[in-house]
Every structure is written in structure tokens, then in C-alpha cells.
C-alpha atoms as a PDB file:
ATOM      1  CA  ALA A   1     -65.388-178.183 -12.636  1.00  0.00           C
ATOM      2  CA  VAL A   2     -63.902-174.946 -14.401  1.00  0.00           C
ATOM      3  CA  ILE A   3     -66.017-173.113 -11.602  1.00  0.00           C
ATOM      4  CA  ASN A   4     -64.408-174.869  -8.724  1.00  0.00           C
ATOM      5  CA  VAL A   5     -61.039-174.695  -9.981  1.00  0.00           C
ATOM      6  CA  THR A   6     -61.443-170.766 -10.491  1.00  0.00           C
ATOM      7  CA  ALA A   7     -62.913-170.710  -7.078  1.00  0.00           C
ATOM      8  CA  VAL A   8     -59.830-172.665  -5.541  1.00  0.00           C
ATOM      9  CA  LEU A   9     -57.496-170.313  -7.485  1.00  0.00           C
ATOM     10  CA  LEU A  10     -59.201-167.187  -6.093  1.00  0.00           C
ATOM     11  CA  ILE A  11     -59.081-168.303  -2.471  1.00  0.00           C
ATOM     12  CA  ALA A  12     -55.382-169.670  -2.736  1.00  0.00           C
ATOM     13  CA  CYS A  13     -53.813-166.549  -4.826  1.00  0.00           C
ATOM     14  CA  PRO A  14     -56.217-163.708  -5.035  1.00  0.00           C
ATOM     15  CA  CYS A  15     -53.068-161.463  -5.501  1.00  0.00           C
ATOM     16  CA  ALA A  16     -51.838-162.926  -8.600  1.00  0.00           C
ATOM     17  CA  LEU A  17     -55.197-162.516 -10.532  1.00  0.00           C
ATOM     18  CA  VAL A  18     -55.817-158.902  -9.002  1.00  0.00           C
ATOM     19  CA  LEU A  19     -52.555-158.190 -10.586  1.00  0.00           C
ATOM     20  CA  ALA A  20     -52.721-160.136 -13.948  1.00  0.00           C
ATOM     21  CA  THR A  21     -55.182-157.875 -15.587  1.00  0.00           C
ATOM     22  CA  PRO A  22     -53.525-154.318 -15.053  1.00  0.00           C
ATOM     23  CA  THR A  23     -50.309-156.163 -16.072  1.00  0.00           C
ATOM     24  CA  ALA A  24     -51.592-157.181 -19.356  1.00  0.00           C
ATOM     25  CA  VAL A  25     -53.158-153.718 -20.027  1.00  0.00           C
ATOM     26  CA  ILE A  26     -49.642-151.983 -19.275  1.00  0.00           C
ATOM     27  CA  ALA A  27     -47.778-154.474 -21.428  1.00  0.00           C
ATOM     28  CA  SER A  28     -50.390-153.776 -24.294  1.00  0.00           C
ATOM     29  CA  VAL A  29     -49.777-150.140 -23.845  1.00  0.00           C
ATOM     30  CA  GLY A  30     -46.095-150.633 -23.827  1.00  0.00           C
ATOM     31  CA  ASN A  31     -45.809-152.855 -26.754  1.00  0.00           C
ATOM     32  CA  ALA A  32     -48.208-150.293 -28.593  1.00  0.00           C
ATOM     33  CA  ALA A  33     -45.758-147.480 -27.812  1.00  0.00           C
ATOM     34  CA  LYS A  34     -42.707-149.385 -29.335  1.00  0.00           C
ATOM     35  CA  LYS A  35     -44.452-149.512 -32.700  1.00  0.00           C
ATOM     36  CA  GLY A  36     -45.469-145.895 -32.739  1.00  0.00           C
ATOM     37  CA  VAL A  37     -49.140-146.186 -31.313  1.00  0.00           C
ATOM     38  CA  LEU A  38     -49.848-144.032 -28.224  1.00  0.00           C
ATOM     39  CA  ILE A  39     -52.978-145.160 -26.245  1.00  0.00           C
ATOM     40  CA  LYS A  40     -54.282-142.880 -23.554  1.00  0.00           C
ATOM     41  CA  GLY A  41     -54.905-145.758 -21.012  1.00  0.00           C
ATOM     42  CA  GLY A  42     -56.350-149.226 -20.207  1.00  0.00           C
ATOM     43  CA  ILE A  43     -59.975-148.101 -20.790  1.00  0.00           C
ATOM     44  CA  THR A  44     -58.992-147.436 -24.238  1.00  0.00           C
ATOM     45  CA  VAL A  45     -57.353-150.780 -24.777  1.00  0.00           C
ATOM     46  CA  GLU A  46     -60.491-152.373 -23.433  1.00  0.00           C
ATOM     47  CA  THR A  47     -62.908-150.500 -25.381  1.00  0.00           C
ATOM     48  CA  ALA A  48     -60.837-150.984 -28.591  1.00  0.00           C
ATOM     49  CA  GLY A  49     -62.072-154.552 -28.621  1.00  0.00           C
ATOM     50  CA  GLN A  50     -65.626-153.494 -28.934  1.00  0.00           C
ATOM     51  CA  ILE A  51     -65.372-151.278 -31.747  1.00  0.00           C
ATOM     52  CA  ASP A  52     -67.827-151.930 -34.592  1.00  0.00           C
ATOM     53  CA  THR A  53     -67.723-148.657 -36.815  1.00  0.00           C
ATOM     54  CA  ILE A  54     -64.533-147.037 -38.212  1.00  0.00           C
ATOM     55  CA  CYS A  55     -64.672-143.658 -39.900  1.00  0.00           C
ATOM     56  CA  PHE A  56     -61.843-142.841 -41.958  1.00  0.00           C
ATOM     57  CA  ASP A  57     -60.591-138.996 -43.337  1.00  0.00           C
ATOM     58  CA  LYS A  58     -59.908-139.424 -47.100  1.00  0.00           C
ATOM     59  CA  THR A  59     -56.900-136.867 -47.742  1.00  0.00           C
ATOM     60  CA  GLY A  60     -53.626-138.058 -46.430  1.00  0.00           C
ATOM     61  CA  THR A  61     -55.310-141.106 -44.588  1.00  0.00           C
ATOM     62  CA  LEU A  62     -56.842-143.142 -47.410  1.00  0.00           C
ATOM     63  CA  THR A  63     -54.939-141.210 -49.908  1.00  0.00           C
ATOM     64  CA  CYS A  64     -51.218-140.112 -50.226  1.00  0.00           C
ATOM     65  CA  GLY A  65     -51.920-136.522 -49.269  1.00  0.00           C
ATOM     66  CA  LYS A  66     -49.692-135.364 -52.294  1.00  0.00           C
ATOM     67  CA  PRO A  67     -52.372-134.412 -54.907  1.00  0.00           C
ATOM     68  CA  GLN A  68     -51.113-133.175 -58.301  1.00  0.00           C
ATOM     69  CA  VAL A  69     -52.781-130.967 -60.804  1.00  0.00           C
ATOM     70  CA  VAL A  70     -54.139-133.076 -63.781  1.00  0.00           C
ATOM     71  CA  ALA A  71     -56.132-130.127 -65.670  1.00  0.00           C
ATOM     72  CA  PHE A  72     -56.108-126.656 -66.148  1.00  0.00           C
ATOM     73  CA  GLU A  73     -58.457-124.740 -68.400  1.00  0.00           C
ATOM     74  CA  SER A  74     -59.307-121.048 -69.060  1.00  0.00           C
ATOM     75  CA  PHE A  75     -62.824-120.426 -70.248  1.00  0.00           C
ATOM     76  CA  GLY A  76     -61.663-117.488 -72.733  1.00  0.00           C
ATOM     77  CA  VAL A  77     -62.008-114.477 -70.795  1.00  0.00           C
ATOM     78  CA  GLU A  78     -58.549-114.180 -69.677  1.00  0.00           C
ATOM     79  CA  PRO A  79     -55.272-115.705 -71.105  1.00  0.00           C
ATOM     80  CA  GLU A  80     -54.283-119.116 -69.343  1.00  0.00           C
ATOM     81  CA  GLN A  81     -51.324-117.440 -67.874  1.00  0.00           C
ATOM     82  CA  LYS A  82     -53.253-114.812 -66.237  1.00  0.00           C
ATOM     83  CA  VAL A  83     -55.862-117.138 -64.865  1.00  0.00           C
ATOM     84  CA  LEU A  84     -52.981-119.461 -63.549  1.00  0.00           C
ATOM     85  CA  GLN A  85     -51.208-116.092 -62.084  1.00  0.00           C
ATOM     86  CA  LEU A  86     -54.639-115.126 -60.285  1.00  0.00           C
ATOM     87  CA  ALA A  87     -55.427-118.805 -58.844  1.00  0.00           C
ATOM     88  CA  LEU A  88     -51.522-118.650 -57.426  1.00  0.00           C
ATOM     89  CA  THR A  89     -52.036-115.509 -55.924  1.00  0.00           C
ATOM     90  CA  ALA A  90     -54.972-116.734 -54.103  1.00  0.00           C
ATOM     91  CA  GLU A  91     -53.741-120.065 -52.902  1.00  0.00           C
ATOM     92  CA  ILE A  92     -49.921-118.730 -51.735  1.00  0.00           C
ATOM     93  CA  GLN A  93     -50.782-118.538 -48.261  1.00  0.00           C
ATOM     94  CA  SER A  94     -52.890-121.657 -47.936  1.00  0.00           C
ATOM     95  CA  GLU A  95     -51.498-124.773 -46.194  1.00  0.00           C
ATOM     96  CA  HIS A  96     -53.771-126.955 -47.866  1.00  0.00           C
ATOM     97  CA  PRO A  97     -52.365-130.124 -49.771  1.00  0.00           C
ATOM     98  CA  VAL A  98     -54.563-128.985 -52.868  1.00  0.00           C
ATOM     99  CA  ALA A  99     -52.925-125.383 -52.533  1.00  0.00           C
ATOM    100  CA  LYS A 100     -49.809-126.605 -52.402  1.00  0.00           C
ATOM    101  CA  ALA A 101     -50.457-128.830 -55.816  1.00  0.00           C
ATOM    102  CA  LEU A 102     -51.431-125.621 -57.519  1.00  0.00           C
ATOM    103  CA  ILE A 103     -48.427-123.569 -56.244  1.00  0.00           C
ATOM    104  CA  ASN A 104     -46.160-126.332 -57.625  1.00  0.00           C
ATOM    105  CA  TYR A 105     -47.747-126.451 -60.949  1.00  0.00           C
ATOM    106  CA  ALA A 106     -47.626-122.784 -61.304  1.00  0.00           C
ATOM    107  CA  GLN A 107     -44.335-122.357 -60.057  1.00  0.00           C
ATOM    108  CA  ASN A 108     -43.240-124.856 -62.677  1.00  0.00           C
ATOM    109  CA  GLN A 109     -44.918-122.749 -65.458  1.00  0.00           C
ATOM    110  CA  ASP A 110     -42.639-119.953 -64.163  1.00  0.00           C
ATOM    111  CA  VAL A 111     -45.740-118.059 -63.008  1.00  0.00           C
ATOM    112  CA  GLN A 112     -45.263-115.456 -59.961  1.00  0.00           C
ATOM    113  CA  PRO A 113     -47.799-114.340 -57.718  1.00  0.00           C
ATOM    114  CA  GLU A 114     -49.069-110.939 -57.693  1.00  0.00           C
ATOM    115  CA  PRO A 115     -49.165-109.016 -54.199  1.00  0.00           C
ATOM    116  CA  ILE A 116     -52.310-109.216 -52.106  1.00  0.00           C
ATOM    117  CA  ASN A 117     -53.713-107.297 -49.520  1.00  0.00           C
ATOM    118  CA  GLN A 118     -55.771-109.766 -47.383  1.00  0.00           C
ATOM    119  CA  PHE A 119     -56.301-113.343 -47.387  1.00  0.00           C
ATOM    120  CA  GLU A 120     -59.130-115.333 -46.075  1.00  0.00           C
ATOM    121  CA  GLN A 121     -59.706-119.023 -46.210  1.00  0.00           C
ATOM    122  CA  VAL A 122     -63.296-119.954 -46.458  1.00  0.00           C
ATOM    123  CA  PHE A 123     -64.308-123.441 -45.033  1.00  0.00           C
ATOM    124  CA  GLY A 124     -66.403-125.494 -47.200  1.00  0.00           C
ATOM    125  CA  ILE A 125     -65.789-123.663 -50.190  1.00  0.00           C
ATOM    126  CA  GLY A 126     -62.142-122.481 -50.818  1.00  0.00           C
ATOM    127  CA  VAL A 127     -59.861-119.345 -50.488  1.00  0.00           C
ATOM    128  CA  LYS A 128     -60.291-115.729 -51.119  1.00  0.00           C
ATOM    129  CA  ALA A 129     -57.519-113.027 -51.856  1.00  0.00           C
ATOM    130  CA  THR A 130     -58.070-109.269 -51.943  1.00  0.00           C
ATOM    131  CA  LEU A 131     -55.463-107.789 -54.310  1.00  0.00           C
ATOM    132  CA  ASP A 132     -56.533-104.179 -54.244  1.00  0.00           C
ATOM    133  CA  PRO A 133     -59.799-102.504 -53.288  1.00  0.00           C
ATOM    134  CA  ASP A 134     -61.446-103.637 -56.657  1.00  0.00           C
ATOM    135  CA  GLN A 135     -59.908-106.910 -57.389  1.00  0.00           C
ATOM    136  CA  GLU A 136     -61.151-109.955 -55.346  1.00  0.00           C
ATOM    137  CA  VAL A 137     -60.157-113.537 -56.298  1.00  0.00           C
ATOM    138  CA  TRP A 138     -61.497-116.719 -55.387  1.00  0.00           C
ATOM    139  CA  VAL A 139     -60.412-120.325 -55.947  1.00  0.00           C
ATOM    140  CA  GLY A 140     -63.195-122.619 -54.645  1.00  0.00           C
ATOM    141  CA  ASN A 141     -65.250-125.811 -55.337  1.00  0.00           C
ATOM    142  CA  ARG A 142     -68.521-126.073 -57.040  1.00  0.00           C
ATOM    143  CA  LYS A 143     -70.183-124.548 -53.729  1.00  0.00           C
ATOM    144  CA  ILE A 144     -69.209-121.116 -55.023  1.00  0.00           C
ATOM    145  CA  LEU A 145     -71.699-121.291 -57.824  1.00  0.00           C
ATOM    146  CA  GLU A 146     -74.167-121.176 -55.090  1.00  0.00           C
ATOM    147  CA  GLN A 147     -73.192-117.447 -54.184  1.00  0.00           C
ATOM    148  CA  ASN A 148     -75.403-115.066 -55.489  1.00  0.00           C
ATOM    149  CA  TRP A 149     -72.606-112.572 -56.820  1.00  0.00           C
ATOM    150  CA  ILE A 150     -71.316-115.213 -59.207  1.00  0.00           C
ATOM    151  CA  THR A 151     -71.976-114.654 -62.906  1.00  0.00           C
ATOM    152  CA  PRO A 152     -73.074-118.147 -64.284  1.00  0.00           C
ATOM    153  CA  ASN A 153     -70.878-120.025 -67.158  1.00  0.00           C
ATOM    154  CA  PRO A 154     -71.935-123.210 -68.634  1.00  0.00           C
ATOM    155  CA  LEU A 155     -68.230-123.993 -69.346  1.00  0.00           C
ATOM    156  CA  ALA A 156     -67.594-124.131 -65.635  1.00  0.00           C
ATOM    157  CA  LYS A 157     -70.269-126.677 -64.934  1.00  0.00           C
ATOM    158  CA  LYS A 158     -69.147-128.779 -67.682  1.00  0.00           C
ATOM    159  CA  PHE A 159     -65.544-128.440 -66.446  1.00  0.00           C
ATOM    160  CA  LEU A 160     -67.034-129.456 -62.801  1.00  0.00           C
ATOM    161  CA  LYS A 161     -69.100-132.537 -64.122  1.00  0.00           C
ATOM    162  CA  GLN A 162     -66.028-133.921 -66.112  1.00  0.00           C
ATOM    163  CA  GLN A 163     -63.428-133.670 -63.769  1.00  0.00           C
ATOM    164  CA  GLU A 164     -65.564-134.791 -60.765  1.00  0.00           C
ATOM    165  CA  SER A 165     -66.854-137.931 -62.574  1.00  0.00           C
ATOM    166  CA  GLU A 166     -63.166-138.836 -62.981  1.00  0.00           C
ATOM    167  CA  GLY A 167     -62.763-138.622 -59.092  1.00  0.00           C
ATOM    168  CA  ASN A 168     -60.871-135.511 -59.468  1.00  0.00           C
ATOM    169  CA  THR A 169     -61.167-132.636 -56.999  1.00  0.00           C
ATOM    170  CA  ALA A 170     -62.221-129.694 -59.466  1.00  0.00           C
ATOM    171  CA  LEU A 171     -61.959-125.709 -58.302  1.00  0.00           C
ATOM    172  CA  LEU A 172     -62.854-122.555 -60.134  1.00  0.00           C
ATOM    173  CA  VAL A 173     -60.818-119.288 -60.595  1.00  0.00           C
ATOM    174  CA  VAL A 174     -63.208-116.197 -59.979  1.00  0.00           C
ATOM    175  CA  LEU A 175     -62.304-112.630 -60.492  1.00  0.00           C
ATOM    176  CA  ASN A 176     -65.016-110.128 -59.158  1.00  0.00           C
ATOM    177  CA  GLY A 177     -67.827-112.516 -59.623  1.00  0.00           C
ATOM    178  CA  GLN A 178     -66.557-113.750 -63.125  1.00  0.00           C
ATOM    179  CA  ILE A 179     -65.593-117.388 -63.585  1.00  0.00           C
ATOM    180  CA  LEU A 180     -62.169-117.248 -65.541  1.00  0.00           C
ATOM    181  CA  GLY A 181     -61.190-120.971 -65.565  1.00  0.00           C
ATOM    182  CA  GLY A 182     -60.819-124.256 -63.903  1.00  0.00           C
ATOM    183  CA  ILE A 183     -58.434-126.513 -62.480  1.00  0.00           C
ATOM    184  CA  ALA A 184     -58.438-130.111 -61.339  1.00  0.00           C
ATOM    185  CA  VAL A 185     -56.378-131.765 -58.692  1.00  0.00           C
ATOM    186  CA  ALA A 186     -56.116-135.589 -58.086  1.00  0.00           C
ATOM    187  CA  ASP A 187     -54.583-137.532 -55.203  1.00  0.00           C
ATOM    188  CA  THR A 188     -53.647-141.110 -55.428  1.00  0.00           C
ATOM    189  CA  VAL A 189     -55.167-143.699 -53.114  1.00  0.00           C
ATOM    190  CA  LYS A 190     -52.459-145.323 -50.872  1.00  0.00           C
ATOM    191  CA  PRO A 191     -51.236-148.874 -51.989  1.00  0.00           C
ATOM    192  CA  ASP A 192     -52.424-150.584 -48.774  1.00  0.00           C
ATOM    193  CA  ALA A 193     -55.401-148.805 -48.195  1.00  0.00           C
ATOM    194  CA  ASN A 194     -57.627-151.523 -50.158  1.00  0.00           C
ATOM    195  CA  GLN A 195     -55.925-154.174 -48.457  1.00  0.00           C
ATOM    196  CA  THR A 196     -56.422-152.419 -44.965  1.00  0.00           C
ATOM    197  CA  ILE A 197     -60.130-152.010 -45.554  1.00  0.00           C
ATOM    198  CA  ARG A 198     -60.728-155.458 -46.505  1.00  0.00           C
ATOM    199  CA  LYS A 199     -58.990-157.077 -43.557  1.00  0.00           C
ATOM    200  CA  LEU A 200     -61.025-154.721 -41.402  1.00  0.00           C
ATOM    201  CA  TYR A 201     -64.217-156.341 -42.887  1.00  0.00           C
ATOM    202  CA  GLN A 202     -62.625-159.768 -42.397  1.00  0.00           C
ATOM    203  CA  THR A 203     -62.193-158.989 -38.571  1.00  0.00           C
ATOM    204  CA  GLY A 204     -65.690-158.275 -38.124  1.00  0.00           C
ATOM    205  CA  ILE A 205     -65.924-154.446 -38.520  1.00  0.00           C
ATOM    206  CA  LYS A 206     -69.231-154.020 -40.489  1.00  0.00           C
ATOM    207  CA  ASN A 207     -69.485-150.333 -40.676  1.00  0.00           C
ATOM    208  CA  ILE A 208     -66.509-148.497 -42.427  1.00  0.00           C
ATOM    209  CA  ILE A 209     -67.299-144.799 -43.569  1.00  0.00           C
ATOM    210  CA  MET A 210     -65.289-142.460 -45.411  1.00  0.00           C
ATOM    211  CA  LEU A 211     -65.803-138.762 -44.233  1.00  0.00           C
ATOM    212  CA  THR A 212     -64.536-135.878 -46.706  1.00  0.00           C
ATOM    213  CA  GLY A 213     -65.101-132.421 -47.663  1.00  0.00           C
ATOM    214  CA  ASP A 214     -64.683-133.509 -51.294  1.00  0.00           C
ATOM    215  CA  ASN A 215     -67.998-133.450 -53.489  1.00  0.00           C
ATOM    216  CA  GLU A 216     -70.005-136.509 -53.687  1.00  0.00           C
ATOM    217  CA  THR A 217     -68.969-137.719 -57.208  1.00  0.00           C
ATOM    218  CA  SER A 218     -65.255-137.442 -56.523  1.00  0.00           C
ATOM    219  CA  ALA A 219     -65.551-139.068 -53.131  1.00  0.00           C
ATOM    220  CA  GLN A 220     -67.887-142.007 -54.548  1.00  0.00           C
ATOM    221  CA  ALA A 221     -65.007-142.677 -56.798  1.00  0.00           C
ATOM    222  CA  ILE A 222     -62.245-142.667 -54.551  1.00  0.00           C
ATOM    223  CA  ALA A 223     -64.466-145.018 -52.053  1.00  0.00           C
ATOM    224  CA  LYS A 224     -65.073-147.556 -54.880  1.00  0.00           C
ATOM    225  CA  GLN A 225     -61.050-147.607 -55.274  1.00  0.00           C
ATOM    226  CA  ILE A 226     -60.806-148.562 -51.908  1.00  0.00           C
ATOM    227  CA  GLY A 227     -63.692-150.732 -51.360  1.00  0.00           C
ATOM    228  CA  ILE A 228     -65.697-148.565 -48.726  1.00  0.00           C
ATOM    229  CA  ASN A 229     -69.162-148.373 -49.380  1.00  0.00           C
ATOM    230  CA  THR A 230     -70.544-145.686 -47.153  1.00  0.00           C
ATOM    231  CA  VAL A 231     -69.625-142.323 -47.743  1.00  0.00           C
ATOM    232  CA  LYS A 232     -70.363-138.911 -46.274  1.00  0.00           C
ATOM    233  CA  ALA A 233     -69.199-135.916 -48.632  1.00  0.00           C
ATOM    234  CA  GLU A 234     -69.121-132.427 -48.732  1.00  0.00           C
ATOM    235  CA  LEU A 235     -68.415-132.273 -44.786  1.00  0.00           C
ATOM    236  CA  LEU A 236     -67.034-129.236 -43.074  1.00  0.00           C
ATOM    237  CA  PRO A 237     -64.597-130.320 -40.221  1.00  0.00           C
ATOM    238  CA  GLU A 238     -67.414-129.975 -37.592  1.00  0.00           C
ATOM    239  CA  GLU A 239     -69.710-131.588 -39.505  1.00  0.00           C
ATOM    240  CA  LYS A 240     -67.674-134.886 -39.508  1.00  0.00           C
ATOM    241  CA  LEU A 241     -67.775-134.574 -35.846  1.00  0.00           C
ATOM    242  CA  GLU A 242     -71.581-134.122 -35.933  1.00  0.00           C
ATOM    243  CA  VAL A 243     -71.529-137.455 -38.197  1.00  0.00           C
ATOM    244  CA  ILE A 244     -69.436-139.647 -35.457  1.00  0.00           C
ATOM    245  CA  ARG A 245     -71.737-138.243 -32.615  1.00  0.00           C
ATOM    246  CA  GLN A 246     -74.859-138.993 -34.465  1.00  0.00           C
ATOM    247  CA  ILE A 247     -73.281-142.835 -34.785  1.00  0.00           C
ATOM    248  CA  GLN A 248     -72.392-142.757 -31.382  1.00  0.00           C
ATOM    249  CA  SER A 249     -76.039-142.098 -30.245  1.00  0.00           C
ATOM    250  CA  GLU A 250     -77.064-145.423 -32.116  1.00  0.00           C
ATOM    251  CA  ASN A 251     -74.993-147.172 -29.439  1.00  0.00           C
ATOM    252  CA  ARG A 252     -72.238-147.929 -31.936  1.00  0.00           C
ATOM    253  CA  ILE A 253     -68.561-147.906 -30.612  1.00  0.00           C
ATOM    254  CA  VAL A 254     -66.722-145.765 -33.107  1.00  0.00           C
ATOM    255  CA  ALA A 255     -63.164-145.035 -34.098  1.00  0.00           C
ATOM    256  CA  MET A 256     -61.714-142.437 -36.105  1.00  0.00           C
ATOM    257  CA  VAL A 257     -58.797-142.537 -38.280  1.00  0.00           C
ATOM    258  CA  GLY A 258     -57.409-139.488 -39.614  1.00  0.00           C
END
């Protein structure tokens, strides 16, 4: 009976049916735009209904993106004030949220940066600043320990382990290969992050993945708070894209948030 009715409708008023689908798509795109959501076109709307995997960036998406310094420690080689000044000097030109937290912390301590000759952001590790021909300052994550010009320091490993176990982002301050101290920065989870993830699971999205450049321990701690089971950590920006392409190669429809 339904087939017969549909056949009659198609014969009697085909134009209305032909116009119905694009009209519905245009209405969807228009309503989304009113709510601040920009959609590229009708194909995107139709594909959205088939999404089975969502990847989230961490900083600024699942977290507030306003980290604060929660721990600062000198390892005894230089006074705390000097270590903090070197860290500020290295980070002063960086736009990363972690750098801004360090800058605010140092300036609240009335610490001023030294002049620098050159600044470089080293993706996946941190930042490097050259003060003069014989002074090179680094502020970076645990990957900096893998560099062969670094002098090992047991206090550095202890600091990293403790801070990362608490879900903090831990950084080391290095001058000419010598580790001077550590800085830990924490970002708070957005109040509605956990509820959002829970609702996505309830709608039938089975695969929710957090992508981050943070270390594995810190990333897992944040994911546990939010309710995400799958984490890909210690990723460079281009590696996040590779993860998404790998998932797509498994015939999944992927959305990226962040």
C-alpha cells in the first residue's frame, strides 16, 4: 500500500518531491548558521548523519585552554629567580597557551626577560632561545631528555614523573645542555566536557578519541576525568592528521573537533 501511495505521489506531484530534499538541506544549513555553526554544503549535512567516530583535540577544546603554573622548582644549579628568568626569556615570544601561563606567572613574580638574539619553536619538544653566542636556553617536555647534548639529572626525571602522574604538563628549563629546573602547568577540564562525551556515547557514537601533544600519563589523566577511553598522545600536528587518515582507511566516517 505504501509503495502504491508513493507511486501515485511521484506521478501526481513530482516537482514538490524533487524540491523537498534541497529545501530541507537549505533550511538545516540556515538554522545551523543562526546558531554559529557553519556547514560547507548539503553533502556535509547528509554525511554528518553517518559519523561513527569523533576525534577531539585536547587543549582549548576539552579543556578551558587557560593553563596555570601549579609547580616550579629549581634543581639547585641556579637560584629559582634566575631559572624563572631564563624560562620567561625563552617563552616570551611564544603564542602557545602553556607559554602564556608561564609568562603570567613570571611577571607576577616581578621577573623580567633578558634580551634574545634568536627564537625558535621546536615542534613536539618546546622552544629554544639564543641569548648570545654562548648561551642557549630551552624550555621543553620530556622529549628534551632524548637529546644527546643534555646532561642527565635524576631530579628532572623525578619532577616529570610526579607532575605527569597528576595530569599536569611538565617542562624542563635547560641552559647549554644543563637542566636547571622544572615547571608544571595545569589546564582545567571544561565543566560540560564530561556531559558532552556521555551524550555522544548515548547517541550511538562508539568511537571517541582524544588527540594531544601531551605525554601519555597526563593525557590519560585528563581523558579519565572526561570519560574518553581512547587516547593518542605525544602527537605532532601532522601526526594527528595521520591518525585521522588511518581511521578513515578503516571505512569509518570521522569528525574532528578542535
